[in-house]
Amino acid sequence: MVRRGDTKKIPGTEGYVGEYVTKLVSGYRFVIPAEFREKLGKRFVLTRGYEGALILVDFSHWNKLIAPIKEASFLDRNIRETLRYLVSSAFYLEPDAQGRVVIPASLRSFMGISKSSIGTQLAVIGVFNWIEVWIKERWDSHIQNLTDKADLIASEVANLLDSKMS
């Protein structure tokens, strides 16, 4: 497993941080970085994410993520669709002794993974409250796109935060 950048923990952070590169191995398994496994615990949730990535999250954050959606009115179509999207594809997983987990068939299909994908590099990235699993080639393309738009995105986030504080 390769980690990009410094491997030291960032003082004062309790979330998932960093970017790791691993490979998809036989049985459609991949290694979850040790730093992430410590925080995830022995069982966690893997589900469909956004932009073609998977979301990996511990039970505590899973419950926080789902709580406001499941408590909202099922009469709202967007609520129903969000629950369908996230919950119908969720799997409770436990890593093996080497820290590997199997990507279930429906999530492999979502990511476009097939038998010929064995050996493909995966990017496992910490996004503070959750972890994302990407096909590394897609992640590299996505992060380049983000880099190109970073100033614009930061400005939009600042405006959103300012409007919420007002």
Protein backbone atom coordinates (compact mmCIF):
# COMPACT_ATOMS: atom_id res chain seq x y z
CA MET A 1 0.00 0.00 0.00
CA VAL A 2 1.35 3.40 -0.96
CA ARG A 3 0.39 6.62 0.76
CA ARG A 4 0.84 9.92 -0.96
CA GLY A 5 2.49 12.54 1.19
CA ASP A 6 3.47 12.53 4.84
CA THR A 7 2.30 9.55 6.87
CA LYS A 8 2.22 11.41 10.19
CA LYS A 9 -1.14 12.03 11.81
CA ILE A 10 -2.39 15.58 11.68
CA PRO A 11 -2.63 16.91 15.26
CA GLY A 12 -6.18 17.60 16.42
CA THR A 13 -7.88 15.60 13.68
CA GLU A 14 -10.05 12.66 14.50
CA GLY A 15 -11.43 12.08 11.04
CA TYR A 16 -10.20 10.12 8.07
CA VAL A 17 -7.48 12.01 6.22
CA GLY A 18 -5.03 11.13 3.48
CA GLU A 19 -4.86 9.35 0.17
CA TYR A 20 -3.68 5.76 -0.17
CA VAL A 21 -3.13 3.67 -3.26
CA THR A 22 -3.81 -0.07 -3.19
CA LYS A 23 -4.68 -2.75 -5.74
CA LEU A 24 -7.77 -4.78 -6.41
CA VAL A 25 -6.68 -8.37 -5.84
CA SER A 26 -8.24 -11.77 -6.50
CA GLY A 27 -11.69 -12.21 -5.05
CA TYR A 28 -12.38 -8.50 -5.72
CA ARG A 29 -10.68 -7.58 -2.46
CA PHE A 30 -8.69 -4.52 -1.46
CA VAL A 31 -6.79 -3.52 1.66
CA ILE A 32 -8.20 -0.80 3.87
CA PRO A 33 -5.29 1.32 5.18
CA ALA A 34 -4.36 0.49 8.77
CA GLU A 35 -4.92 4.12 9.86
CA PHE A 36 -8.49 3.91 8.61
CA ARG A 37 -9.15 0.43 10.03
CA GLU A 38 -8.32 1.65 13.52
CA LYS A 39 -11.11 4.24 13.33
CA LEU A 40 -13.60 2.10 11.39
CA GLY A 41 -13.72 -0.67 13.96
CA LYS A 42 -14.44 -4.31 13.21
CA ARG A 43 -17.65 -3.77 11.19
CA PHE A 44 -18.55 -0.91 8.89
CA VAL A 45 -20.68 0.07 5.92
CA LEU A 46 -19.70 0.11 2.25
CA THR A 47 -22.20 1.67 -0.15
CA ARG A 48 -22.60 3.42 -3.47
CA GLY A 49 -21.24 6.96 -3.43
CA TYR A 50 -21.13 9.85 -5.83
CA GLU A 51 -19.01 10.58 -8.91
CA GLY A 52 -18.45 6.84 -9.35
CA ALA A 53 -16.81 6.23 -5.96
CA LEU A 54 -17.84 4.00 -3.08
CA ILE A 55 -18.41 5.31 0.44
CA LEU A 56 -16.92 3.46 3.40
CA VAL A 57 -18.09 4.64 6.81
CA ASP A 58 -18.17 3.47 10.42
CA PHE A 59 -21.54 2.74 12.03
CA SER A 60 -21.58 5.96 14.04
CA HIS A 61 -21.17 8.17 10.97
CA TRP A 62 -23.50 5.95 8.92
CA ASN A 63 -26.25 6.58 11.45
CA LYS A 64 -25.54 10.32 11.42
CA LEU A 65 -25.57 10.35 7.62
CA ILE A 66 -28.86 8.48 7.32
CA ALA A 67 -30.71 9.90 10.37
CA PRO A 68 -31.94 13.19 8.89
CA ILE A 69 -32.94 11.50 5.65
CA LYS A 70 -34.82 8.62 7.23
CA GLU A 71 -36.63 10.99 9.61
CA ALA A 72 -37.80 13.24 6.76
CA SER A 73 -41.11 12.74 5.02
CA PHE A 74 -41.28 9.83 2.60
CA LEU A 75 -43.72 11.98 0.64
CA ASP A 76 -40.72 13.92 -0.69
CA ARG A 77 -39.41 12.20 -3.81
CA ASN A 78 -35.81 13.37 -3.28
CA ILE A 79 -35.83 11.85 0.22
CA ARG A 80 -37.06 8.51 -1.14
CA GLU A 81 -34.56 8.54 -3.97
CA THR A 82 -31.63 9.40 -1.71
CA LEU A 83 -32.53 6.59 0.69
CA ARG A 84 -32.88 4.18 -2.21
CA TYR A 85 -29.55 5.25 -3.63
CA LEU A 86 -27.56 4.95 -0.40
CA VAL A 87 -29.34 2.27 1.61
CA SER A 88 -30.27 -0.24 -1.08
CA SER A 89 -26.61 -0.63 -2.00
CA ALA A 90 -25.25 -0.70 1.58
CA PHE A 91 -23.35 -3.70 2.89
CA TYR A 92 -22.09 -4.38 6.40
CA LEU A 93 -18.53 -5.65 6.08
CA GLU A 94 -15.75 -7.01 8.26
CA PRO A 95 -12.12 -7.05 7.10
CA ASP A 96 -10.13 -10.28 7.05
CA ALA A 97 -6.93 -10.68 9.10
CA GLN A 98 -4.94 -8.68 6.50
CA GLY A 99 -7.44 -5.80 6.51
CA ARG A 100 -8.99 -6.72 3.16
CA VAL A 101 -12.66 -6.53 2.23
CA VAL A 102 -14.56 -7.86 -0.75
CA ILE A 103 -16.38 -5.40 -2.98
CA PRO A 104 -19.88 -6.93 -3.39
CA ALA A 105 -21.12 -7.67 -6.92
CA SER A 106 -23.60 -4.79 -7.14
CA LEU A 107 -20.94 -2.29 -6.09
CA ARG A 108 -18.44 -3.79 -8.54
CA SER A 109 -21.01 -3.28 -11.27
CA PHE A 110 -21.56 0.32 -10.14
CA MET A 111 -17.79 0.99 -10.38
CA GLY A 112 -17.41 -0.89 -13.66
CA ILE A 113 -15.17 -3.56 -12.13
CA SER A 114 -14.91 -6.95 -13.86
CA LYS A 115 -12.52 -9.92 -13.77
CA SER A 116 -10.17 -8.01 -16.05
CA SER A 117 -9.99 -5.29 -13.36
CA ILE A 118 -7.93 -7.48 -11.00
CA GLY A 119 -4.66 -5.64 -10.42
CA THR A 120 -6.25 -2.24 -11.03
CA GLN A 121 -5.05 0.47 -8.68
CA LEU A 122 -7.60 1.92 -6.27
CA ALA A 123 -7.38 5.24 -4.44
CA VAL A 124 -8.68 5.06 -0.87
CA ILE A 125 -9.14 8.60 0.37
CA GLY A 126 -10.15 10.08 3.71
CA VAL A 127 -12.83 12.76 3.53
CA PHE A 128 -12.92 13.41 7.29
CA ASN A 129 -16.27 11.75 8.20
CA TRP A 130 -16.11 9.05 5.54
CA ILE A 131 -13.75 7.23 3.20
CA GLU A 132 -14.10 7.04 -0.56
CA VAL A 133 -12.85 4.21 -2.76
CA TRP A 134 -12.11 5.17 -6.36
CA ILE A 135 -10.57 3.50 -9.36
CA LYS A 136 -7.30 5.43 -9.23
CA GLU A 137 -7.40 6.54 -12.85
CA ARG A 138 -10.84 8.11 -12.26
CA TRP A 139 -9.66 9.69 -9.01
CA ASP A 140 -6.65 11.25 -10.76
CA SER A 141 -8.95 12.72 -13.40
CA HIS A 142 -11.43 13.93 -10.79
CA ILE A 143 -8.78 15.55 -8.59
CA GLN A 144 -7.29 17.29 -11.64
CA ASN A 145 -10.73 18.69 -12.43
CA LEU A 146 -11.10 19.84 -8.81
CA THR A 147 -7.66 21.41 -8.92
CA ASP A 148 -8.58 23.33 -12.06
CA LYS A 149 -11.74 24.66 -10.37
CA ALA A 150 -10.48 24.98 -6.78
CA ASP A 151 -10.78 28.78 -6.58
CA LEU A 152 -14.32 28.79 -7.96
CA ILE A 153 -15.43 25.94 -5.67
CA ALA A 154 -13.89 27.62 -2.61
CA SER A 155 -15.67 30.86 -3.45
CA GLU A 156 -19.02 29.08 -3.82
CA VAL A 157 -18.52 27.25 -0.52
CA ALA A 158 -17.61 30.52 1.23
CA ASN A 159 -20.78 32.14 -0.15
CA LEU A 160 -22.88 29.18 0.97
CA LEU A 161 -21.38 29.28 4.46
CA ASP A 162 -21.84 33.06 4.67
CA SER A 163 -25.51 32.75 3.70
CA LYS A 164 -26.09 30.07 6.35
CA MET A 165 -24.47 32.23 9.03
CA SER A 166 -26.55 35.28 8.14
